[in-house]
Structure formats: structure tokens, C-alpha cells
N, C-alpha and C. Protein backbone atom coordinates (compact mmCIF):
# COMPACT_ATOMS: atom_id res chain seq x y z
N MET A 1 0.84 -1.18 0.00
CA MET A 1 0.00 0.00 0.00
C MET A 1 0.88 1.24 0.00
N PRO A 2 0.72 2.14 -0.98
CA PRO A 2 1.55 3.33 -1.06
C PRO A 2 1.33 4.25 0.14
N ARG A 3 2.42 4.85 0.58
CA ARG A 3 2.32 5.80 1.67
C ARG A 3 1.91 7.16 1.14
N SER A 4 1.22 7.91 1.95
CA SER A 4 0.83 9.26 1.59
C SER A 4 2.06 10.15 1.54
N ARG A 5 2.10 11.05 0.57
CA ARG A 5 3.26 11.95 0.44
C ARG A 5 3.44 12.82 1.68
N LYS A 6 2.37 13.15 2.38
CA LYS A 6 2.51 14.03 3.54
C LYS A 6 3.23 13.33 4.70
N ASN A 7 3.36 11.99 4.65
CA ASN A 7 4.05 11.26 5.71
C ASN A 7 5.53 11.06 5.41
N ILE A 8 5.98 11.48 4.25
CA ILE A 8 7.38 11.29 3.86
C ILE A 8 8.16 12.56 4.16
N LEU A 9 9.26 12.40 4.88
CA LEU A 9 10.12 13.53 5.21
C LEU A 9 11.45 13.37 4.50
N MET A 10 12.02 14.47 4.09
CA MET A 10 13.32 14.43 3.45
C MET A 10 14.31 15.16 4.34
N VAL A 11 15.42 14.48 4.62
CA VAL A 11 16.46 15.09 5.45
C VAL A 11 17.31 15.98 4.55
N LYS A 12 17.39 17.24 4.92
CA LYS A 12 18.17 18.19 4.11
C LYS A 12 19.51 18.52 4.73
N ASP A 13 19.69 18.17 5.99
CA ASP A 13 20.94 18.45 6.69
C ASP A 13 21.74 17.15 6.80
N ALA A 14 22.71 16.98 5.93
CA ALA A 14 23.48 15.74 5.85
C ALA A 14 24.23 15.45 7.15
N LYS A 15 24.73 16.49 7.81
CA LYS A 15 25.49 16.28 9.04
C LYS A 15 24.60 15.72 10.15
N THR A 16 23.37 16.20 10.22
CA THR A 16 22.43 15.69 11.21
C THR A 16 22.11 14.24 10.93
N LEU A 17 21.91 13.90 9.66
CA LEU A 17 21.62 12.51 9.28
C LEU A 17 22.81 11.61 9.60
N GLU A 18 24.02 12.06 9.31
CA GLU A 18 25.20 11.26 9.61
C GLU A 18 25.35 11.05 11.12
N ALA A 19 25.08 12.08 11.90
CA ALA A 19 25.16 11.95 13.36
C ALA A 19 24.11 10.95 13.86
N PHE A 20 22.91 11.03 13.31
CA PHE A 20 21.86 10.07 13.67
C PHE A 20 22.30 8.65 13.33
N ASP A 21 22.83 8.45 12.11
CA ASP A 21 23.27 7.13 11.69
C ASP A 21 24.34 6.57 12.62
N ARG A 22 25.33 7.39 12.96
CA ARG A 22 26.40 6.95 13.86
C ARG A 22 25.84 6.53 15.22
N GLU A 23 24.94 7.36 15.76
CA GLU A 23 24.37 7.06 17.07
C GLU A 23 23.53 5.78 17.00
N TRP A 24 22.71 5.65 15.97
CA TRP A 24 21.84 4.48 15.84
C TRP A 24 22.67 3.21 15.70
N LEU A 25 23.72 3.27 14.88
CA LEU A 25 24.56 2.09 14.68
C LEU A 25 25.33 1.73 15.95
N SER A 26 25.71 2.72 16.73
CA SER A 26 26.46 2.43 17.95
C SER A 26 25.56 1.77 19.01
N ARG A 27 24.26 2.03 18.97
CA ARG A 27 23.34 1.43 19.92
C ARG A 27 22.76 0.11 19.44
N LYS A 28 22.88 -0.15 18.16
CA LYS A 28 22.29 -1.35 17.58
C LYS A 28 23.11 -2.57 17.98
N THR A 29 22.43 -3.60 18.44
CA THR A 29 23.11 -4.84 18.78
C THR A 29 22.80 -5.88 17.71
N ASN A 30 23.73 -6.74 17.48
CA ASN A 30 23.53 -7.80 16.50
C ASN A 30 23.12 -9.06 17.25
N ASN A 31 21.82 -9.34 17.23
CA ASN A 31 21.30 -10.50 17.91
C ASN A 31 20.83 -11.51 16.87
N PRO A 32 21.56 -12.59 16.67
CA PRO A 32 21.20 -13.57 15.64
C PRO A 32 19.80 -14.15 15.82
N GLU A 33 19.37 -14.35 17.05
CA GLU A 33 18.04 -14.91 17.29
C GLU A 33 16.95 -13.95 16.81
N ILE A 34 17.09 -12.68 17.12
CA ILE A 34 16.12 -11.69 16.67
C ILE A 34 16.16 -11.58 15.15
N ASN A 35 17.37 -11.55 14.57
CA ASN A 35 17.50 -11.48 13.11
C ASN A 35 16.84 -12.68 12.45
N TRP A 36 17.02 -13.88 13.02
CA TRP A 36 16.41 -15.08 12.45
C TRP A 36 14.89 -14.99 12.54
N ASN A 37 14.36 -14.52 13.66
CA ASN A 37 12.91 -14.38 13.81
C ASN A 37 12.33 -13.40 12.79
N ILE A 38 13.04 -12.31 12.54
CA ILE A 38 12.60 -11.35 11.52
C ILE A 38 12.61 -12.00 10.15
N PHE A 39 13.69 -12.73 9.84
CA PHE A 39 13.79 -13.42 8.56
C PHE A 39 12.64 -14.40 8.38
N GLU A 40 12.37 -15.21 9.41
CA GLU A 40 11.29 -16.19 9.31
C GLU A 40 9.94 -15.52 9.10
N ALA A 41 9.69 -14.42 9.81
CA ALA A 41 8.42 -13.72 9.66
C ALA A 41 8.27 -13.15 8.25
N LEU A 42 9.34 -12.58 7.71
CA LEU A 42 9.29 -12.05 6.35
C LEU A 42 9.11 -13.16 5.33
N TYR A 43 9.76 -14.30 5.55
CA TYR A 43 9.62 -15.43 4.64
C TYR A 43 8.19 -15.97 4.66
N GLU A 44 7.62 -16.10 5.85
CA GLU A 44 6.24 -16.59 5.97
C GLU A 44 5.27 -15.63 5.29
N GLU A 45 5.50 -14.34 5.43
CA GLU A 45 4.63 -13.36 4.78
C GLU A 45 4.76 -13.47 3.26
N ALA A 46 5.98 -13.63 2.76
CA ALA A 46 6.19 -13.79 1.32
C ALA A 46 5.47 -15.04 0.82
N LYS A 47 5.52 -16.13 1.59
CA LYS A 47 4.82 -17.34 1.19
C LYS A 47 3.31 -17.12 1.17
N SER A 48 2.79 -16.40 2.17
CA SER A 48 1.35 -16.17 2.22
C SER A 48 0.88 -15.26 1.08
N LEU A 49 1.78 -14.42 0.58
CA LEU A 49 1.44 -13.55 -0.55
C LEU A 49 1.65 -14.24 -1.90
N GLY A 50 2.16 -15.47 -1.87
CA GLY A 50 2.38 -16.22 -3.10
C GLY A 50 3.68 -15.89 -3.81
N ILE A 51 4.58 -15.19 -3.13
CA ILE A 51 5.86 -14.82 -3.74
C ILE A 51 6.83 -16.00 -3.69
N PHE A 52 6.79 -16.76 -2.61
CA PHE A 52 7.61 -17.97 -2.46
C PHE A 52 6.71 -19.17 -2.37
N PRO A 53 7.10 -20.31 -2.81
CA PRO A 53 8.30 -20.59 -3.57
C PRO A 53 8.20 -20.02 -4.99
N LEU A 54 9.32 -19.66 -5.53
CA LEU A 54 9.35 -19.09 -6.88
C LEU A 54 8.96 -20.15 -7.89
N LYS A 55 8.17 -19.75 -8.89
CA LYS A 55 7.81 -20.68 -9.96
C LYS A 55 9.04 -21.06 -10.76
N ASP A 56 9.87 -20.07 -11.06
CA ASP A 56 11.12 -20.30 -11.78
C ASP A 56 12.21 -19.51 -11.07
N PRO A 57 13.01 -20.18 -10.24
CA PRO A 57 14.03 -19.47 -9.45
C PRO A 57 15.03 -18.69 -10.30
N LEU A 58 15.22 -19.07 -11.54
CA LEU A 58 16.19 -18.38 -12.39
C LEU A 58 15.57 -17.24 -13.18
N ASP A 59 14.27 -17.04 -13.05
CA ASP A 59 13.59 -15.98 -13.78
C ASP A 59 14.14 -14.62 -13.35
N GLY A 60 14.59 -13.84 -14.33
CA GLY A 60 15.12 -12.51 -14.05
C GLY A 60 16.57 -12.47 -13.64
N LEU A 61 17.22 -13.64 -13.59
CA LEU A 61 18.61 -13.69 -13.14
C LEU A 61 19.53 -12.91 -14.06
N GLU A 62 19.32 -13.01 -15.37
CA GLU A 62 20.18 -12.28 -16.31
C GLU A 62 20.08 -10.78 -16.09
N HIS A 63 18.87 -10.29 -15.83
CA HIS A 63 18.68 -8.86 -15.58
C HIS A 63 19.40 -8.44 -14.30
N LYS A 64 19.32 -9.27 -13.27
CA LYS A 64 19.97 -8.95 -11.99
C LYS A 64 21.49 -8.94 -12.15
N ILE A 65 22.02 -9.86 -12.95
CA ILE A 65 23.46 -9.89 -13.19
C ILE A 65 23.90 -8.63 -13.93
N GLN A 66 23.11 -8.24 -14.94
CA GLN A 66 23.42 -7.04 -15.71
C GLN A 66 23.39 -5.80 -14.80
N LEU A 67 22.38 -5.72 -13.94
CA LEU A 67 22.27 -4.60 -13.01
C LEU A 67 23.44 -4.59 -12.03
N ALA A 68 23.84 -5.75 -11.54
CA ALA A 68 24.97 -5.83 -10.61
C ALA A 68 26.26 -5.36 -11.29
N ARG A 69 26.43 -5.72 -12.56
CA ARG A 69 27.63 -5.28 -13.29
C ARG A 69 27.64 -3.76 -13.44
N ILE A 70 26.49 -3.19 -13.75
CA ILE A 70 26.40 -1.73 -13.91
C ILE A 70 26.74 -1.04 -12.59
N ILE A 71 26.16 -1.53 -11.50
CA ILE A 71 26.41 -0.93 -10.19
C ILE A 71 27.89 -1.08 -9.82
N HIS A 72 28.45 -2.26 -10.08
CA HIS A 72 29.87 -2.50 -9.77
C HIS A 72 30.76 -1.57 -10.58
N ASP A 73 30.49 -1.44 -11.88
CA ASP A 73 31.30 -0.56 -12.73
C ASP A 73 31.17 0.89 -12.27
N PHE A 74 29.98 1.29 -11.86
CA PHE A 74 29.77 2.67 -11.40
C PHE A 74 30.53 2.91 -10.10
N SER A 75 30.51 1.93 -9.20
CA SER A 75 31.20 2.13 -7.91
C SER A 75 32.71 2.19 -8.09
N ILE A 76 33.24 1.50 -9.07
CA ILE A 76 34.68 1.54 -9.32
C ILE A 76 35.08 2.90 -9.91
N SER A 77 34.26 3.44 -10.78
CA SER A 77 34.59 4.70 -11.45
C SER A 77 34.35 5.92 -10.54
N SER A 78 33.59 5.76 -9.48
CA SER A 78 33.29 6.91 -8.60
C SER A 78 34.39 7.15 -7.60
């Protein structure tokens, strides 16, 4: 379901965003059990929506490889 435009905020102060990111990452803990529970919940939701199992697991693979190459080439040149 698309979000309303009035609920979307754009950060215009990069330094404030970077400070927020640093603080958030410093407080974030890596808990494998919580991460696994999130993964399982997302997987179950994808199954209930009919996204998994994939009818053809290789469908779109060539496009993804092409996109990955473009992104990789761009990151090297930047």
C-alpha cells in the first residue's frame, strides 16, 4: 500500500543525518536470534502472498546480473 506523500520527510541536513546514523549504529546490537525471527516472519509473509516458492528461481537472473555489473562498474569509477 503506497504511503501518503505528507508522511514522507526528506532530510536536508546531511550532518544531522550522519550523526543520527552513527548514534543508531552504535546502539544497535547484532542479535542472531532476533534477526532469524525477523527473517522467518518475512519469509512466511512472502509465502502467504504467493511470492515464495518461486515458480522459476532463475527468472530474471540475467537482468539482476546485468544490473549488478552496472552498479559494480559505477562504484569503481566513482
